[in-house]
Structure formats: structure tokens, C-alpha cells
Amino acid sequence: MAATTTLKLPEELKARITSAAQASGKAPHAFMVEALAIQTTLSERRQAFIASAVKAEQEVAEYGLIYEADEVFDYLKAKVDGKKTKWPKAKKL
């Protein structure tokens, strides 16, 4: 069962939502639910990305190994082009 939530919207925003919802063929309620779902997904992805970056930073600090970006890009380009290539070697920081 869906939970009920009340939002107090500025009149200008409410009018914009109504207009945008009509343009997309949706009811304002459906438009807002979709918008909230999209923003929630984006926030969750952003949080996961930041957590991944923090983990990578911790791994670099722990092991001191990095890959040169140009070498990784060259590797990926060669793979896309169907060429045989070796993964770049990790280097000490």
C-alpha cells in the first residue's frame, strides 16, 4: 500500500509541474512520483560512485599502486580495435 505524503509547493512550481505533466501526458501526481523516483535513483548512484571513489583512494593509499591513465586508454582503444594487447603494469605511487 502506498504511503501518503503532503508536499507544500510554491504556486509557481505547482504551475510548472502541472504544465510539464500535461505536456508529457501525465497527471501532476504521476509526474511528481516519477520525478522523485528519478532523483532518488540519481542520489543513490551518486552515493555509490562516491563510495567507490573513496574505496579506490583507500586502496591506493594501502598498496601504493596506480595505472597511468594514458596507458589504460591505449589498452582499451587497442581492445576495441581488436588488437592483441597486454594490460598496463601497475606502478608504485
Protein backbone atom coordinates (compact mmCIF):
# COMPACT_ATOMS: atom_id res chain seq x y z
CA MET A 1 0.00 0.00 0.00
CA ALA A 2 1.29 3.45 -0.85
CA ALA A 3 2.08 5.91 1.91
CA THR A 4 0.53 9.36 1.82
CA THR A 5 2.83 12.37 1.90
CA THR A 6 1.82 16.00 1.75
CA LEU A 7 4.02 18.47 -0.10
CA LYS A 8 3.60 22.21 0.19
CA LEU A 9 4.68 23.60 -3.16
CA PRO A 10 5.21 27.22 -4.12
CA GLU A 11 2.44 28.24 -6.53
CA GLU A 12 4.93 28.90 -9.34
CA LEU A 13 6.43 25.40 -9.02
CA LYS A 14 2.97 23.82 -8.84
CA ALA A 15 2.02 25.60 -12.08
CA ARG A 16 5.24 24.47 -13.77
CA ILE A 17 4.65 20.88 -12.67
CA THR A 18 1.07 20.96 -13.93
CA SER A 19 2.20 22.34 -17.28
CA ALA A 20 5.05 19.84 -17.64
CA ALA A 21 2.79 16.95 -16.61
CA GLN A 22 0.16 17.93 -19.18
CA ALA A 23 2.84 18.23 -21.88
CA SER A 24 4.01 14.70 -21.09
CA GLY A 25 0.50 13.29 -20.95
CA LYS A 26 0.65 12.53 -17.24
CA ALA A 27 -1.28 13.60 -14.21
CA PRO A 28 0.64 16.00 -11.93
CA HIS A 29 0.71 13.30 -9.24
CA ALA A 30 2.26 10.71 -11.60
CA PHE A 31 4.71 13.32 -12.87
CA MET A 32 5.86 14.14 -9.32
CA VAL A 33 6.15 10.47 -8.31
CA GLU A 34 8.28 9.81 -11.39
CA ALA A 35 10.43 12.88 -10.72
CA LEU A 36 11.01 11.80 -7.11
CA ALA A 37 11.91 8.27 -8.22
CA ILE A 38 14.39 9.62 -10.78
CA GLN A 39 16.03 11.97 -8.28
CA THR A 40 16.24 9.20 -5.68
CA THR A 41 17.93 6.89 -8.19
CA LEU A 42 20.39 9.64 -9.15
CA SER A 43 21.19 10.27 -5.49
CA GLU A 44 21.76 6.57 -4.85
CA ARG A 45 24.04 6.30 -7.90
CA ARG A 46 25.97 9.39 -6.79
CA GLN A 47 26.43 7.89 -3.30
CA ALA A 48 27.63 4.59 -4.79
CA PHE A 49 30.05 6.44 -7.07
CA ILE A 50 31.47 8.40 -4.14
CA ALA A 51 31.80 5.23 -2.06
CA SER A 52 33.65 3.56 -4.93
CA ALA A 53 35.99 6.55 -5.25
CA VAL A 54 36.70 6.53 -1.51
CA LYS A 55 37.42 2.78 -1.64
CA ALA A 56 39.76 3.28 -4.60
CA GLU A 57 41.56 6.08 -2.76
CA GLN A 58 41.98 3.81 0.27
CA GLU A 59 43.36 1.01 -1.93
CA VAL A 60 45.88 3.38 -3.50
CA ALA A 61 46.90 4.57 -0.03
CA GLU A 62 47.23 0.97 1.20
CA TYR A 63 49.01 -0.58 -1.76
CA GLY A 64 50.53 2.47 -3.44
CA LEU A 65 49.82 1.10 -6.92
CA ILE A 66 48.36 3.12 -9.77
CA TYR A 67 47.86 2.85 -13.53
CA GLU A 68 48.74 5.62 -15.91
CA ALA A 69 45.51 6.85 -17.50
CA ASP A 70 47.08 7.18 -20.97
CA GLU A 71 48.28 3.57 -20.83
CA VAL A 72 44.82 2.35 -19.78
CA PHE A 73 43.18 4.36 -22.58
CA ASP A 74 45.67 2.96 -25.10
CA TYR A 75 44.89 -0.56 -23.86
CA LEU A 76 41.14 -0.01 -24.16
CA LYS A 77 41.48 1.51 -27.64
CA ALA A 78 43.57 -1.45 -28.79
CA LYS A 79 40.97 -3.88 -27.40
CA VAL A 80 38.14 -2.04 -29.16
CA ASP A 81 40.16 -2.11 -32.38
CA GLY A 82 40.54 -5.90 -31.99
CA LYS A 83 44.30 -5.78 -31.43
CA LYS A 84 46.18 -8.02 -29.02
CA THR A 85 47.50 -6.05 -26.11
CA LYS A 86 48.59 -6.52 -22.52
CA TRP A 87 47.07 -4.85 -19.52
CA PRO A 88 49.29 -1.93 -18.35
CA LYS A 89 51.58 -2.60 -15.42
CA ALA A 90 50.77 -1.07 -12.08
CA LYS A 91 53.27 1.48 -10.87
CA LYS A 92 54.25 2.49 -7.36
CA LEU A 93 52.90 5.86 -6.32
